[in-house]
Amino acid sequence: PEMRIILANPTARNIFGWEKEAIGENVLHRLPSELTVKLT
């Protein structure tokens, strides 16, 4: 509920190009800008 990433499988990390671990970070800060605007 705080928008933090709890789980992300390899396919999701590959689609968004996440080389570093994103667990615990705000999802809106890691998504592409186009998707962030659409999903916020």
Full PDB file with SEQRES, HELIX, SHEET, SSBOND, CRYST1, ORIGX, SCALE, CONECT and MASTER records, all heavy atoms in Angstrom:
SEQRES   1 A   40  PRO GLU MET ARG ILE ILE LEU ALA ASN PRO THR ALA ARG          
SEQRES   2 A   40  ASN ILE PHE GLY TRP GLU LYS GLU ALA ILE GLY GLU ASN          
SEQRES   3 A   40  VAL LEU HIS ARG LEU PRO SER GLU LEU THR VAL LYS LEU          
SEQRES   4 A   40  THR                                                          
HELIX    1 AA1 PRO A   10  PHE A   16  1                                   7    
HELIX    2 AA2 VAL A   27  ARG A   30  1                                   4    
HELIX    3 AA3 SER A   33  LEU A   39  1                                   7    
CRYST1    1.000    1.000    1.000  90.00  90.00  90.00 P 1           1          
ORIGX1      1.000000  0.000000  0.000000        0.00000                         
ORIGX2      0.000000  1.000000  0.000000        0.00000                         
ORIGX3      0.000000  0.000000  1.000000        0.00000                         
SCALE1      1.000000  0.000000  0.000000        0.00000                         
SCALE2      0.000000  1.000000  0.000000        0.00000                         
SCALE3      0.000000  0.000000  1.000000        0.00000                         
ATOM      1  N   PRO A   1       0.801  -1.236   0.000  1.00  0.00           N  
ATOM      2  CA  PRO A   1       0.000   0.000   0.000  1.00  0.00           C  
ATOM      3  C   PRO A   1       0.825   1.271   0.000  1.00  0.00           C  
ATOM      4  O   PRO A   1       0.300   2.342  -0.317  1.00  0.00           O  
ATOM      5  CB  PRO A   1      -0.820  -0.114   1.297  1.00  0.00           C  
ATOM      6  CG  PRO A   1      -0.928  -1.579   1.547  1.00  0.00           C  
ATOM      7  CD  PRO A   1       0.386  -2.157   1.081  1.00  0.00           C  
ATOM      8  N   GLU A   2       2.119   1.208   0.323  1.00  0.00           N  
ATOM      9  CA  GLU A   2       2.990   2.389   0.273  1.00  0.00           C  
ATOM     10  C   GLU A   2       3.713   2.498  -1.065  1.00  0.00           C  
ATOM     11  O   GLU A   2       4.668   3.268  -1.196  1.00  0.00           O  
ATOM     12  CB  GLU A   2       4.017   2.342   1.409  1.00  0.00           C  
ATOM     13  CG  GLU A   2       3.452   2.712   2.773  1.00  0.00           C  
ATOM     14  CD  GLU A   2       2.586   1.604   3.345  1.00  0.00           C  
ATOM     15  OE1 GLU A   2       2.893   0.417   3.070  1.00  0.00           O  
ATOM     16  OE2 GLU A   2       1.591   1.923   4.036  1.00  0.00           O  
ATOM     17  N   MET A   3       3.282   1.741  -2.050  1.00  0.00           N  
ATOM     18  CA  MET A   3       3.836   1.762  -3.403  1.00  0.00           C  
ATOM     19  C   MET A   3       5.248   1.184  -3.464  1.00  0.00           C  
ATOM     20  O   MET A   3       5.981   1.433  -4.426  1.00  0.00           O  
ATOM     21  CB  MET A   3       3.829   3.189  -3.999  1.00  0.00           C  
ATOM     22  CG  MET A   3       2.459   3.790  -4.151  1.00  0.00           C  
ATOM     23  SD  MET A   3       1.442   2.844  -5.273  1.00  0.00           S  
ATOM     24  CE  MET A   3      -0.123   3.680  -5.085  1.00  0.00           C  
ATOM     25  N   ARG A   4       5.660   0.444  -2.463  1.00  0.00           N  
ATOM     26  CA  ARG A   4       6.980  -0.186  -2.491  1.00  0.00           C  
ATOM     27  C   ARG A   4       6.898  -1.542  -3.176  1.00  0.00           C  
ATOM     28  O   ARG A   4       5.922  -2.270  -3.009  1.00  0.00           O  
ATOM     29  CB  ARG A   4       7.551  -0.337  -1.083  1.00  0.00           C  
ATOM     30  CG  ARG A   4       7.867   0.975  -0.386  1.00  0.00           C  
ATOM     31  CD  ARG A   4       8.661   0.708   0.886  1.00  0.00           C  
ATOM     32  NE  ARG A   4       7.875  -0.052   1.828  1.00  0.00           N  
ATOM     33  CZ  ARG A   4       7.188   0.479   2.836  1.00  0.00           C  
ATOM     34  NH1 ARG A   4       7.190   1.785   3.011  1.00  0.00           N  
ATOM     35  NH2 ARG A   4       6.499  -0.280   3.667  1.00  0.00           N  
ATOM     36  N   ILE A   5       7.947  -1.881  -3.919  1.00  0.00           N  
ATOM     37  CA  ILE A   5       7.991  -3.151  -4.640  1.00  0.00           C  
ATOM     38  C   ILE A   5       8.338  -4.268  -3.660  1.00  0.00           C  
ATOM     39  O   ILE A   5       9.370  -4.227  -2.994  1.00  0.00           O  
ATOM     40  CB  ILE A   5       9.023  -3.095  -5.778  1.00  0.00           C  
ATOM     41  CG1 ILE A   5       8.664  -1.968  -6.762  1.00  0.00           C  
ATOM     42  CG2 ILE A   5       9.088  -4.428  -6.509  1.00  0.00           C  
ATOM     43  CD1 ILE A   5       9.710  -1.749  -7.827  1.00  0.00           C  
ATOM     44  N   ILE A   6       7.458  -5.265  -3.576  1.00  0.00           N  
ATOM     45  CA  ILE A   6       7.695  -6.414  -2.700  1.00  0.00           C  
ATOM     46  C   ILE A   6       8.310  -7.575  -3.480  1.00  0.00           C  
ATOM     47  O   ILE A   6       9.195  -8.272  -2.988  1.00  0.00           O  
ATOM     48  CB  ILE A   6       6.377  -6.868  -2.040  1.00  0.00           C  
ATOM     49  CG1 ILE A   6       5.773  -5.715  -1.227  1.00  0.00           C  
ATOM     50  CG2 ILE A   6       6.599  -8.083  -1.158  1.00  0.00           C  
ATOM     51  CD1 ILE A   6       4.437  -6.054  -0.616  1.00  0.00           C  
ATOM     52  N   LEU A   7       7.835  -7.756  -4.711  1.00  0.00           N  
ATOM     53  CA  LEU A   7       8.286  -8.893  -5.517  1.00  0.00           C  
ATOM     54  C   LEU A   7       8.305  -8.471  -6.975  1.00  0.00           C  
ATOM     55  O   LEU A   7       7.422  -7.750  -7.437  1.00  0.00           O  
ATOM     56  CB  LEU A   7       7.343 -10.087  -5.325  1.00  0.00           C  
ATOM     57  CG  LEU A   7       7.610 -11.336  -6.175  1.00  0.00           C  
ATOM     58  CD1 LEU A   7       8.935 -11.960  -5.772  1.00  0.00           C  
ATOM     59  CD2 LEU A   7       6.483 -12.340  -6.028  1.00  0.00           C  
ATOM     60  N   ALA A   8       9.341  -8.899  -7.697  1.00  0.00           N  
ATOM     61  CA  ALA A   8       9.436  -8.650  -9.140  1.00  0.00           C  
ATOM     62  C   ALA A   8      10.177  -9.826  -9.765  1.00  0.00           C  
ATOM     63  O   ALA A   8      11.324 -10.117  -9.388  1.00  0.00           O  
ATOM     64  CB  ALA A   8      10.161  -7.336  -9.424  1.00  0.00           C  
ATOM     65  N   ASN A   9       9.527 -10.512 -10.702  1.00  0.00           N  
ATOM     66  CA  ASN A   9      10.169 -11.674 -11.319  1.00  0.00           C  
ATOM     67  C   ASN A   9      11.149 -11.236 -12.410  1.00  0.00           C  
ATOM     68  O   ASN A   9      11.162 -10.067 -12.825  1.00  0.00           O  
ATOM     69  CB  ASN A   9       9.114 -12.642 -11.857  1.00  0.00           C  
ATOM     70  CG  ASN A   9       8.377 -12.066 -13.062  1.00  0.00           C  
ATOM     71  OD1 ASN A   9       8.466 -10.881 -13.337  1.00  0.00           O  
ATOM     72  ND2 ASN A   9       7.651 -12.904 -13.769  1.00  0.00           N  
ATOM     73  N   PRO A  10      12.007 -12.144 -12.891  1.00  0.00           N  
ATOM     74  CA  PRO A  10      13.025 -11.759 -13.889  1.00  0.00           C  
ATOM     75  C   PRO A  10      12.440 -11.151 -15.160  1.00  0.00           C  
ATOM     76  O   PRO A  10      13.049 -10.263 -15.760  1.00  0.00           O  
ATOM     77  CB  PRO A  10      13.744 -13.087 -14.175  1.00  0.00           C  
ATOM     78  CG  PRO A  10      13.542 -13.906 -12.945  1.00  0.00           C  
ATOM     79  CD  PRO A  10      12.181 -13.541 -12.443  1.00  0.00           C  
ATOM     80  N   THR A  11      11.253 -11.615 -15.570  1.00  0.00           N  
ATOM     81  CA  THR A  11      10.656 -11.071 -16.794  1.00  0.00           C  
ATOM     82  C   THR A  11      10.334  -9.594 -16.627  1.00  0.00           C  
ATOM     83  O   THR A  11      10.597  -8.778 -17.525  1.00  0.00           O  
ATOM     84  CB  THR A  11       9.379 -11.849 -17.149  1.00  0.00           C  
ATOM     85  OG1 THR A  11       9.682 -13.241 -17.250  1.00  0.00           O  
ATOM     86  CG2 THR A  11       8.804 -11.359 -18.456  1.00  0.00           C  
ATOM     87  N   ALA A  12       9.770  -9.227 -15.476  1.00  0.00           N  
ATOM     88  CA  ALA A  12       9.456  -7.816 -15.224  1.00  0.00           C  
ATOM     89  C   ALA A  12      10.726  -6.977 -15.177  1.00  0.00           C  
ATOM     90  O   ALA A  12      10.781  -5.872 -15.747  1.00  0.00           O  
ATOM     91  CB  ALA A  12       8.677  -7.681 -13.922  1.00  0.00           C  
ATOM     92  N   ARG A  13      11.766  -7.494 -14.521  1.00  0.00           N  
ATOM     93  CA  ARG A  13      13.026  -6.742 -14.466  1.00  0.00           C  
ATOM     94  C   ARG A  13      13.640  -6.594 -15.850  1.00  0.00           C  
ATOM     95  O   ARG A  13      14.231  -5.545 -16.163  1.00  0.00           O  
ATOM     96  CB  ARG A  13      14.008  -7.452 -13.518  1.00  0.00           C  
ATOM     97  CG  ARG A  13      13.555  -7.454 -12.067  1.00  0.00           C  
ATOM     98  CD  ARG A  13      14.702  -7.814 -11.140  1.00  0.00           C  
ATOM     99  NE  ARG A  13      15.168  -9.169 -11.355  1.00  0.00           N  
ATOM    100  CZ  ARG A  13      14.736 -10.220 -10.693  1.00  0.00           C  
ATOM    101  NH1 ARG A  13      13.803 -10.088  -9.768  1.00  0.00           N  
ATOM    102  NH2 ARG A  13      15.219 -11.429 -10.935  1.00  0.00           N  
ATOM    103  N   ASN A  14      13.497  -7.588 -16.686  1.00  0.00           N  
ATOM    104  CA  ASN A  14      14.037  -7.513 -18.044  1.00  0.00           C  
ATOM    105  C   ASN A  14      13.249  -6.528 -18.906  1.00  0.00           C  
ATOM    106  O   ASN A  14      13.834  -5.766 -19.683  1.00  0.00           O  
ATOM    107  CB  ASN A  14      14.012  -8.904 -18.678  1.00  0.00           C  
ATOM    108  CG  ASN A  14      14.579  -8.892 -20.088  1.00  0.00           C  
ATOM    109  OD1 ASN A  14      15.713  -8.472 -20.308  1.00  0.00           O  
ATOM    110  ND2 ASN A  14      13.798  -9.337 -21.051  1.00  0.00           N  
ATOM    111  N   ILE A  15      11.927  -6.509 -18.766  1.00  0.00           N  
ATOM    112  CA  ILE A  15      11.105  -5.589 -19.560  1.00  0.00           C  
ATOM    113  C   ILE A  15      11.446  -4.145 -19.235  1.00  0.00           C  
ATOM    114  O   ILE A  15      11.561  -3.290 -20.132  1.00  0.00           O  
ATOM    115  CB  ILE A  15       9.607  -5.872 -19.312  1.00  0.00           C  
ATOM    116  CG1 ILE A  15       9.209  -7.214 -19.925  1.00  0.00           C  
ATOM    117  CG2 ILE A  15       8.743  -4.751 -19.895  1.00  0.00           C  
ATOM    118  CD1 ILE A  15       7.775  -7.619 -19.641  1.00  0.00           C  
ATOM    119  N   PHE A  16      11.635  -3.851 -17.950  1.00  0.00           N  
ATOM    120  CA  PHE A  16      11.909  -2.477 -17.536  1.00  0.00           C  
ATOM    121  C   PHE A  16      13.401  -2.169 -17.460  1.00  0.00           C  
ATOM    122  O   PHE A  16      13.783  -1.048 -17.120  1.00  0.00           O  
ATOM    123  CB  PHE A  16      11.261  -2.188 -16.186  1.00  0.00           C  
ATOM    124  CG  PHE A  16       9.759  -2.264 -16.211  1.00  0.00           C  
ATOM    125  CD1 PHE A  16       9.070  -3.075 -15.327  1.00  0.00           C  
ATOM    126  CD2 PHE A  16       9.040  -1.536 -17.135  1.00  0.00           C  
ATOM    127  CE1 PHE A  16       7.694  -3.151 -15.357  1.00  0.00           C  
ATOM    128  CE2 PHE A  16       7.656  -1.603 -17.177  1.00  0.00           C  
ATOM    129  CZ  PHE A  16       6.980  -2.416 -16.291  1.00  0.00           C  
ATOM    130  N   GLY A  17      14.254  -3.146 -17.749  1.00  0.00           N  
ATOM    131  CA  GLY A  17      15.701  -2.900 -17.766  1.00  0.00           C  
ATOM    132  C   GLY A  17      16.280  -2.606 -16.404  1.00  0.00           C  
ATOM    133  O   GLY A  17      17.183  -1.781 -16.280  1.00  0.00           O  
ATOM    134  N   TRP A  18      15.777  -3.274 -15.359  1.00  0.00           N  
ATOM    135  CA  TRP A  18      16.279  -3.057 -14.004  1.00  0.00           C  
ATOM    136  C   TRP A  18      17.513  -3.920 -13.781  1.00  0.00           C  
ATOM    137  O   TRP A  18      17.410  -5.128 -13.582  1.00  0.00           O  
ATOM    138  CB  TRP A  18      15.216  -3.393 -12.971  1.00  0.00           C  
ATOM    139  CG  TRP A  18      14.044  -2.458 -13.009  1.00  0.00           C  
ATOM    140  CD1 TRP A  18      13.977  -1.251 -13.620  1.00  0.00           C  
ATOM    141  CD2 TRP A  18      12.752  -2.675 -12.434  1.00  0.00           C  
ATOM    142  NE1 TRP A  18      12.752  -0.681 -13.462  1.00  0.00           N  
ATOM    143  CE2 TRP A  18      11.968  -1.528 -12.734  1.00  0.00           C  
ATOM    144  CE3 TRP A  18      12.177  -3.694 -11.691  1.00  0.00           C  
ATOM    145  CZ2 TRP A  18      10.644  -1.405 -12.312  1.00  0.00           C  
ATOM    146  CZ3 TRP A  18      10.868  -3.566 -11.269  1.00  0.00           C  
ATOM    147  CH2 TRP A  18      10.115  -2.436 -11.568  1.00  0.00           C  
ATOM    148  N   GLU A  19      18.666  -3.306 -13.824  1.00  0.00           N  
ATOM    149  CA  GLU A  19      19.902  -4.046 -13.562  1.00  0.00           C  
ATOM    150  C   GLU A  19      20.136  -4.213 -12.066  1.00  0.00           C  
ATOM    151  O   GLU A  19      20.643  -5.229 -11.618  1.00  0.00           O  
ATOM    152  CB  GLU A  19      21.088  -3.320 -14.210  1.00  0.00           C  
ATOM    153  CG  GLU A  19      20.977  -3.236 -15.732  1.00  0.00           C  
ATOM    154  CD  GLU A  19      22.159  -2.509 -16.328  1.00  0.00           C  
ATOM    155  OE1 GLU A  19      23.003  -2.025 -15.548  1.00  0.00           O  
ATOM    156  OE2 GLU A  19      22.236  -2.407 -17.563  1.00  0.00           O  
ATOM    157  N   LYS A  20      19.770  -3.184 -11.284  1.00  0.00           N  
ATOM    158  CA  LYS A  20      19.931  -3.254  -9.837  1.00  0.00           C  
ATOM    159  C   LYS A  20      18.639  -3.755  -9.194  1.00  0.00           C  
ATOM    160  O   LYS A  20      17.570  -3.666  -9.764  1.00  0.00           O  
ATOM    161  CB  LYS A  20      20.297  -1.873  -9.276  1.00  0.00           C  
ATOM    162  CG  LYS A  20      21.624  -1.333  -9.791  1.00  0.00           C  
ATOM    163  CD  LYS A  20      21.923   0.008  -9.166  1.00  0.00           C  
ATOM    164  CE  LYS A  20      23.263   0.562  -9.658  1.00  0.00           C  
ATOM    165  NZ  LYS A  20      23.559   1.885  -9.064  1.00  0.00           N  
ATOM    166  N   GLU A  21      18.783  -4.272  -7.974  1.00  0.00           N  
ATOM    167  CA  GLU A  21      17.625  -4.779  -7.253  1.00  0.00           C  
ATOM    168  C   GLU A  21      16.669  -3.637  -6.933  1.00  0.00           C  
ATOM    169  O   GLU A  21      17.078  -2.583  -6.441  1.00  0.00           O  
ATOM    170  CB  GLU A  21      18.077  -5.455  -5.945  1.00  0.00           C  
ATOM    171  CG  GLU A  21      16.953  -6.113  -5.180  1.00  0.00           C  
ATOM    172  CD  GLU A  21      16.308  -7.238  -5.967  1.00  0.00           C  
ATOM    173  OE1 GLU A  21      17.055  -8.051  -6.546  1.00  0.00           O  
ATOM    174  OE2 GLU A  21      15.074  -7.279  -6.015  1.00  0.00           O  
ATOM    175  N   ALA A  22      15.372  -3.852  -7.209  1.00  0.00           N  
ATOM    176  CA  ALA A  22      14.367  -2.806  -7.010  1.00  0.00           C  
ATOM    177  C   ALA A  22      13.465  -3.086  -5.824  1.00  0.00           C  
ATOM    178  O   ALA A  22      12.560  -2.295  -5.554  1.00  0.00           O  
ATOM    179  CB  ALA A  22      13.519  -2.649  -8.276  1.00  0.00           C  
ATOM    180  N   ILE A  23      13.677  -4.186  -5.114  1.00  0.00           N  
ATOM    181  CA  ILE A  23      12.822  -4.528  -3.983  1.00  0.00           C  
ATOM    182  C   ILE A  23      12.939  -3.448  -2.900  1.00  0.00           C  
ATOM    183  O   ILE A  23      14.037  -3.039  -2.530  1.00  0.00           O  
ATOM    184  CB  ILE A  23      13.203  -5.902  -3.406  1.00  0.00           C  
ATOM    185  CG1 ILE A  23      13.118  -6.970  -4.500  1.00  0.00           C  
ATOM    186  CG2 ILE A  23      12.296  -6.253  -2.237  1.00  0.00           C  
ATOM    187  CD1 ILE A  23      11.749  -7.115  -5.118  1.00  0.00           C  
ATOM    188  N   GLY A  24      11.783  -2.998  -2.411  1.00  0.00           N  
ATOM    189  CA  GLY A  24      11.759  -1.981  -1.359  1.00  0.00           C  
ATOM    190  C   GLY A  24      11.694  -0.559  -1.870  1.00  0.00           C  
ATOM    191  O   GLY A  24      11.466   0.361  -1.086  1.00  0.00           O  
ATOM    192  N   GLU A  25      11.875  -0.336  -3.171  1.00  0.00           N  
ATOM    193  CA  GLU A  25      11.827   1.012  -3.718  1.00  0.00           C  
ATOM    194  C   GLU A  25      10.423   1.335  -4.210  1.00  0.00           C  
ATOM    195  O   GLU A  25       9.598   0.454  -4.466  1.00  0.00           O  
ATOM    196  CB  GLU A  25      12.833   1.159  -4.860  1.00  0.00           C  
ATOM    197  CG  GLU A  25      14.275   0.961  -4.440  1.00  0.00           C  
ATOM    198  CD  GLU A  25      15.233   1.311  -5.564  1.00  0.00           C  
ATOM    199  OE1 GLU A  25      14.852   2.079  -6.468  1.00  0.00           O  
ATOM    200  OE2 GLU A  25      16.373   0.809  -5.541  1.00  0.00           O  
ATOM    201  N   ASN A  26      10.159   2.638  -4.346  1.00  0.00           N  
ATOM    202  CA  ASN A  26       8.861   3.088  -4.845  1.00  0.00           C  
ATOM    203  C   ASN A  26       8.736   2.724  -6.316  1.00  0.00           C  
ATOM    204  O   ASN A  26       9.599   3.045  -7.124  1.00  0.00           O  
ATOM    205  CB  ASN A  26       8.716   4.599  -4.651  1.00  0.00           C  
ATOM    206  CG  ASN A  26       7.294   5.068  -4.882  1.00  0.00           C  
ATOM    207  OD1 ASN A  26       6.707   4.874  -5.946  1.00  0.00           O  
ATOM    208  ND2 ASN A  26       6.734   5.717  -3.878  1.00  0.00           N  
ATOM    209  N   VAL A  27       7.646   2.040  -6.658  1.00  0.00           N  
ATOM    210  CA  VAL A  27       7.489   1.557  -8.028  1.00  0.00           C  
ATOM    211  C   VAL A  27       7.394   2.709  -9.020  1.00  0.00           C  
ATOM    212  O   VAL A  27       7.855   2.605 -10.160  1.00  0.00           O  
ATOM    213  CB  VAL A  27       6.247   0.641  -8.119  1.00  0.00           C  
ATOM    214  CG1 VAL A  27       4.969   1.439  -7.883  1.00  0.00           C  
ATOM    215  CG2 VAL A  27       6.182  -0.047  -9.465  1.00  0.00           C  
ATOM    216  N   LEU A  28       6.824   3.844  -8.597  1.00  0.00           N  
ATOM    217  CA  LEU A  28       6.675   4.983  -9.507  1.00  0.00           C  
ATOM    218  C   LEU A  28       8.012   5.628  -9.824  1.00  0.00           C  
ATOM    219  O   LEU A  28       8.124   6.366 -10.806  1.00  0.00           O  
ATOM    220  CB  LEU A  28       5.725   6.020  -8.902  1.00  0.00           C  
ATOM    221  CG  LEU A  28       4.287   5.540  -8.666  1.00  0.00           C  
ATOM    222  CD1 LEU A  28       3.458   6.621  -7.998  1.00  0.00           C  
ATOM    223  CD2 LEU A  28       3.641   5.108  -9.974  1.00  0.00           C  
ATOM    224  N   HIS A  29       9.026   5.369  -8.990  1.00  0.00           N  
ATOM    225  CA  HIS A  29      10.358   5.917  -9.247  1.00  0.00           C  
ATOM    226  C   HIS A  29      11.182   5.026 -10.178  1.00  0.00           C  
ATOM    227  O   HIS A  29      12.216   5.468 -10.683  1.00  0.00           O  
ATOM    228  CB  HIS A  29      11.118   6.095  -7.923  1.00  0.00           C  
ATOM    229  CG  HIS A  29      10.473   7.082  -7.006  1.00  0.00           C  
ATOM    230  ND1 HIS A  29      10.799   7.189  -5.657  1.00  0.00           N  
ATOM    231  CD2 HIS A  29       9.506   8.008  -7.234  1.00  0.00           C  
ATOM    232  CE1 HIS A  29      10.073   8.122  -5.108  1.00  0.00           C  
ATOM    233  NE2 HIS A  29       9.278   8.641  -6.033  1.00  0.00           N  
ATOM    234  N   ARG A  30      10.738   3.782 -10.400  1.00  0.00           N  
ATOM    235  CA  ARG A  30      11.509   2.854 -11.211  1.00  0.00           C  
ATOM    236  C   ARG A  30      10.872   2.568 -12.568  1.00  0.00           C  
ATOM    237  O   ARG A  30      11.542   2.050 -13.451  1.00  0.00           O  
ATOM    238  CB  ARG A  30      11.687   1.522 -10.460  1.00  0.00           C  
ATOM    239  CG  ARG A  30      12.473   1.624  -9.162  1.00  0.00           C  
ATOM    240  CD  ARG A  30      13.869   2.203  -9.381  1.00  0.00           C  
ATOM    241  NE  ARG A  30      14.641   1.425 -10.298  1.00  0.00           N  
ATOM    242  CZ  ARG A  30      15.435   0.429  -9.956  1.00  0.00           C  
ATOM    243  NH1 ARG A  30      15.553   0.114  -8.683  1.00  0.00           N  
ATOM    244  NH2 ARG A  30      16.116  -0.244 -10.867  1.00  0.00           N  
ATOM    245  N   LEU A  31       9.595   2.878 -12.727  1.00  0.00           N  
ATOM    246  CA  LEU A  31       8.935   2.620 -14.005  1.00  0.00           C  
ATOM    247  C   LEU A  31       9.346   3.654 -15.036  1.00  0.00           C  
ATOM    248  O   LEU A  31       9.745   4.766 -14.691  1.00  0.00           O  
ATOM    249  CB  LEU A  31       7.410   2.649 -13.826  1.00  0.00           C  
ATOM    250  CG  LEU A  31       6.792   1.534 -12.978  1.00  0.00           C  
ATOM    251  CD1 LEU A  31       5.297   1.762 -12.843  1.00  0.00           C  
ATOM    252  CD2 LEU A  31       7.063   0.170 -13.585  1.00  0.00           C  
ATOM    253  N   PRO A  32       9.262   3.330 -16.331  1.00  0.00           N  
ATOM    254  CA  PRO A  32       9.502   4.344 -17.368  1.00  0.00           C  
ATOM    255  C   PRO A  32       8.547   5.523 -17.211  1.00  0.00           C  
ATOM    256  O   PRO A  32       7.432   5.383 -16.696  1.00  0.00           O  
ATOM    257  CB  PRO A  32       9.243   3.569 -18.676  1.00  0.00           C  
ATOM    258  CG  PRO A  32       9.461   2.136 -18.324  1.00  0.00           C  
ATOM    259  CD  PRO A  32       9.026   1.990 -16.906  1.00  0.00           C  
ATOM    260  N   SER A  33       9.011   6.703 -17.645  1.00  0.00           N  
ATOM    261  CA  SER A  33       8.237   7.922 -17.434  1.00  0.00           C  
ATOM    262  C   SER A  33       6.849   7.835 -18.063  1.00  0.00           C  
ATOM    263  O   SER A  33       5.861   8.292 -17.472  1.00  0.00           O  
ATOM    264  CB  SER A  33       9.003   9.121 -18.001  1.00  0.00           C  
ATOM    265  OG  SER A  33       9.282   8.931 -19.382  1.00  0.00           O  
ATOM    266  N   GLU A  34       6.748   7.231 -19.254  1.00  0.00           N  
ATOM    267  CA  GLU A  34       5.438   7.135 -19.901  1.00  0.00           C  
ATOM    268  C   GLU A  34       4.471   6.302 -19.055  1.00  0.00           C  
ATOM    269  O   GLU A  34       3.291   6.652 -18.905  1.00  0.00           O  
ATOM    270  CB  GLU A  34       5.564   6.494 -21.290  1.00  0.00           C  
ATOM    271  CG  GLU A  34       6.510   7.206 -22.229  1.00  0.00           C  
ATOM    272  CD  GLU A  34       7.919   6.634 -22.162  1.00  0.00           C  
ATOM    273  OE1 GLU A  34       8.225   5.961 -21.160  1.00  0.00           O  
ATOM    274  OE2 GLU A  34       8.688   6.851 -23.094  1.00  0.00           O  
ATOM    275  N   LEU A  35       4.980   5.223 -18.489  1.00  0.00           N  
ATOM    276  CA  LEU A  35       4.130   4.352 -17.685  1.00  0.00           C  
ATOM    277  C   LEU A  35       3.815   4.977 -16.330  1.00  0.00           C  
ATOM    278  O   LEU A  35       2.716   4.790 -15.796  1.00  0.00           O  
ATOM    279  CB  LEU A  35       4.821   2.998 -17.501  1.00  0.00           C  
ATOM    280  CG  LEU A  35       3.944   1.840 -16.989  1.00  0.00           C  
ATOM    281  CD1 LEU A  35       2.759   1.625 -17.919  1.00  0.00           C  
ATOM    282  CD2 LEU A  35       4.762   0.573 -16.872  1.00  0.00           C  
ATOM    283  N   THR A  36       4.769   5.732 -15.780  1.00  0.00           N  
ATOM    284  CA  THR A  36       4.528   6.413 -14.507  1.00  0.00           C  
ATOM    285  C   THR A  36       3.380   7.404 -14.624  1.00  0.00           C  
ATOM    286  O   THR A  36       2.492   7.471 -13.767  1.00  0.00           O  
ATOM    287  CB  THR A  36       5.806   7.130 -14.036  1.00  0.00           C  
ATOM    288  OG1 THR A  36       6.854   6.167 -13.874  1.00  0.00           O  
ATOM    289  CG2 THR A  36       5.575   7.836 -12.713  1.00  0.00           C  
ATOM    290  N   VAL A  37       3.390   8.193 -15.695  1.00  0.00           N  
ATOM    291  CA  VAL A  37       2.309   9.165 -15.917  1.00  0.00           C  
ATOM    292  C   VAL A  37       0.966   8.450 -16.054  1.00  0.00           C  
ATOM    293  O   VAL A  37      -0.059   8.912 -15.547  1.00  0.00           O  
ATOM    294  CB  VAL A  37       2.612  10.018 -17.170  1.00  0.00           C  
ATOM    295  CG1 VAL A  37       1.434  10.924 -17.512  1.00  0.00           C  
ATOM    296  CG2 VAL A  37       3.866  10.848 -16.955  1.00  0.00           C  
ATOM    297  N   LYS A  38       0.975   7.305 -16.709  1.00  0.00           N  
ATOM    298  CA  LYS A  38      -0.271   6.586 -16.971  1.00  0.00           C  
ATOM    299  C   LYS A  38      -0.810   5.905 -15.714  1.00  0.00           C  
ATOM    300  O   LYS A  38      -2.039   5.814 -15.525  1.00  0.00           O  
ATOM    301  CB  LYS A  38      -0.023   5.532 -18.055  1.00  0.00           C  
ATOM    302  CG  LYS A  38      -1.270   4.850 -18.586  1.00  0.00           C  
ATOM    303  CD  LYS A  38      -2.020   5.723 -19.546  1.00  0.00           C  
ATOM    304  CE  LYS A  38      -3.149   4.982 -20.232  1.00  0.00           C  
ATOM    305  NZ  LYS A  38      -3.905   5.835 -21.162  1.00  0.00           N  
ATOM    306  N   LEU A  39       0.062   5.420 -14.827  1.00  0.00           N  
ATOM    307  CA  LEU A  39      -0.371   4.566 -13.721  1.00  0.00           C  
ATOM    308  C   LEU A  39      -0.467   5.280 -12.383  1.00  0.00           C  
ATOM    309  O   LEU A  39      -1.021   4.706 -11.433  1.00  0.00           O  
ATOM    310  CB  LEU A  39       0.576   3.372 -13.575  1.00  0.00           C  
ATOM    311  CG  LEU A  39       0.654   2.390 -14.741  1.00  0.00           C  
ATOM    312  CD1 LEU A  39       1.580   1.241 -14.386  1.00  0.00           C  
ATOM    313  CD2 LEU A  39      -0.716   1.869 -15.109  1.00  0.00           C  
ATOM    314  N   THR A  40       0.082   6.485 -12.245  1.00  0.00           N  
ATOM    315  CA  THR A  40       0.113   7.142 -10.935  1.00  0.00           C  
ATOM    316  C   THR A  40      -1.283   7.296 -10.346  1.00  0.00           C  
ATOM    317  O   THR A  40      -1.565   6.868  -9.221  1.00  0.00           O  
ATOM    318  CB  THR A  40       0.783   8.523 -11.058  1.00  0.00           C  
ATOM    319  OG1 THR A  40       2.134   8.356 -11.490  1.00  0.00           O  
ATOM    320  CG2 THR A  40       0.784   9.223  -9.704  1.00  0.00           C  
TER     321      THR A  40                                                      
MASTER        0    0    0    3    0    0    0    6  320    1    0    4          
END                                                                             
